Amino acid sequence: MAVKKPKRIKKKYTKSVIVKLTLFICSAVFAVSIVQMQVKLNDLRGQQDDLQQQIDAYQTANEQLQMEVNQPVDNAFIAQLAHDKLQYALPQEIIFYNNLYN
């Protein structure tokens, strides 16, 4: 009569190794996915900061445009608009041109 206990121990040992190997592989996959998610999260936070800066710039520009729209249209406003946008000058103004850097 042969004793079959060593085979059971061998099967249990094999099952134990398979379970440990499976857990190790799963843990490695989870660790890699967590690192990838952290990297992606950092990239998205950087994009969020850039977009927030753009939003702030657009809001500032929008406020300036709203102030221009809310100004009353009178002769002083028209003169300022002609001077700033169309580069007109009053007759008593002296305009200097600097062509050294062109």
Protein backbone atom coordinates (compact mmCIF):
# COMPACT_ATOMS: atom_id res chain seq x y z
CA MET A 1 0.00 0.00 0.00
CA ALA A 2 1.46 3.23 -1.19
CA VAL A 3 1.09 6.46 0.67
CA LYS A 4 -0.44 9.22 -1.48
CA LYS A 5 0.07 12.10 0.94
CA PRO A 6 3.10 13.57 -0.86
CA LYS A 7 0.99 14.03 -4.01
CA ARG A 8 -1.60 15.99 -2.06
CA ILE A 9 1.10 18.16 -0.59
CA LYS A 10 2.52 18.66 -4.05
CA LYS A 11 -0.93 19.60 -5.42
CA LYS A 12 -1.50 22.00 -2.53
CA TYR A 13 1.94 23.49 -3.10
CA THR A 14 1.22 23.89 -6.82
CA LYS A 15 -2.15 25.48 -6.10
CA SER A 16 -0.53 27.80 -3.57
CA VAL A 17 2.11 28.88 -6.08
CA ILE A 18 -0.52 29.50 -8.74
CA VAL A 19 -2.62 31.57 -6.33
CA LYS A 20 0.41 33.59 -5.20
CA LEU A 21 1.53 34.14 -8.78
CA THR A 22 -1.96 35.26 -9.78
CA LEU A 23 -2.15 37.68 -6.84
CA PHE A 24 1.29 39.06 -7.70
CA ILE A 25 0.34 39.62 -11.34
CA CYS A 26 -2.95 41.28 -10.36
CA SER A 27 -1.14 43.50 -7.86
CA ALA A 28 1.40 44.49 -10.51
CA VAL A 29 -1.35 45.32 -13.00
CA PHE A 30 -3.18 47.42 -10.39
CA ALA A 31 0.03 49.23 -9.43
CA VAL A 32 0.82 50.08 -13.06
CA SER A 33 -2.74 51.27 -13.69
CA ILE A 34 -2.63 53.48 -10.58
CA VAL A 35 0.62 55.08 -11.73
CA GLN A 36 -0.84 55.68 -15.20
CA MET A 37 -3.94 57.25 -13.67
CA GLN A 38 -1.80 59.55 -11.51
CA VAL A 39 0.17 60.70 -14.55
CA LYS A 40 -3.03 61.32 -16.49
CA LEU A 41 -4.51 63.18 -13.52
CA ASN A 42 -1.47 65.45 -13.35
CA ASP A 43 -1.74 66.17 -17.08
CA LEU A 44 -5.43 66.99 -16.73
CA ARG A 45 -4.75 69.30 -13.80
CA GLY A 46 -2.18 71.13 -15.92
CA GLN A 47 -4.73 71.49 -18.70
CA GLN A 48 -7.28 72.73 -16.19
CA ASP A 49 -4.87 75.42 -14.98
CA ASP A 50 -4.18 76.52 -18.57
CA LEU A 51 -7.89 76.67 -19.34
CA GLN A 52 -8.57 78.62 -16.15
CA GLN A 53 -5.96 81.19 -17.19
CA GLN A 54 -7.63 81.48 -20.59
CA ILE A 55 -11.02 81.92 -18.93
CA ASP A 56 -9.63 84.68 -16.71
CA ALA A 57 -8.10 86.45 -19.73
CA TYR A 58 -11.38 86.22 -21.66
CA GLN A 59 -13.35 87.50 -18.68
CA THR A 60 -11.02 90.48 -18.35
CA ALA A 61 -11.36 91.24 -22.06
CA ASN A 62 -15.12 90.82 -21.81
CA GLU A 63 -15.30 93.26 -18.89
CA GLN A 64 -13.29 95.84 -20.83
CA LEU A 65 -15.57 95.46 -23.84
CA GLN A 66 -18.63 95.75 -21.61
CA MET A 67 -17.24 98.99 -20.16
CA GLU A 68 -16.75 100.32 -23.69
CA VAL A 69 -20.31 99.39 -24.61
CA ASN A 70 -21.71 101.05 -21.48
CA GLN A 71 -19.92 104.36 -22.13
CA PRO A 72 -22.16 107.13 -23.38
CA VAL A 73 -21.66 108.13 -27.01
CA ASP A 74 -20.63 111.77 -26.94
CA ASN A 75 -18.00 113.90 -28.67
CA ALA A 76 -15.30 113.00 -26.16
CA PHE A 77 -15.93 109.28 -26.68
CA ILE A 78 -15.86 109.68 -30.46
CA ALA A 79 -12.60 111.66 -30.27
CA GLN A 80 -11.03 109.04 -28.01
CA LEU A 81 -12.19 106.23 -30.31
CA ALA A 82 -10.80 108.02 -33.38
CA HIS A 83 -7.50 108.60 -31.61
CA ASP A 84 -7.13 105.01 -30.29
CA LYS A 85 -8.58 102.90 -33.07
CA LEU A 86 -8.10 105.00 -36.18
CA GLN A 87 -4.94 106.79 -35.01
CA TYR A 88 -6.32 110.21 -35.81
CA ALA A 89 -4.71 113.23 -34.20
CA LEU A 90 -5.96 116.62 -33.15
CA PRO A 91 -4.67 119.59 -35.14
CA GLN A 92 -2.55 120.88 -32.25
CA GLU A 93 -0.89 117.47 -31.61
CA ILE A 94 2.62 116.81 -32.82
CA ILE A 95 3.23 113.24 -33.91
CA PHE A 96 6.69 111.74 -33.91
CA TYR A 97 7.51 108.62 -35.89
CA ASN A 98 10.36 106.33 -34.90
CA ASN A 99 11.60 104.43 -37.96
CA LEU A 100 14.87 103.28 -36.41
CA TYR A 101 13.54 99.86 -35.43
CA ASN A 102 11.65 99.02 -38.62
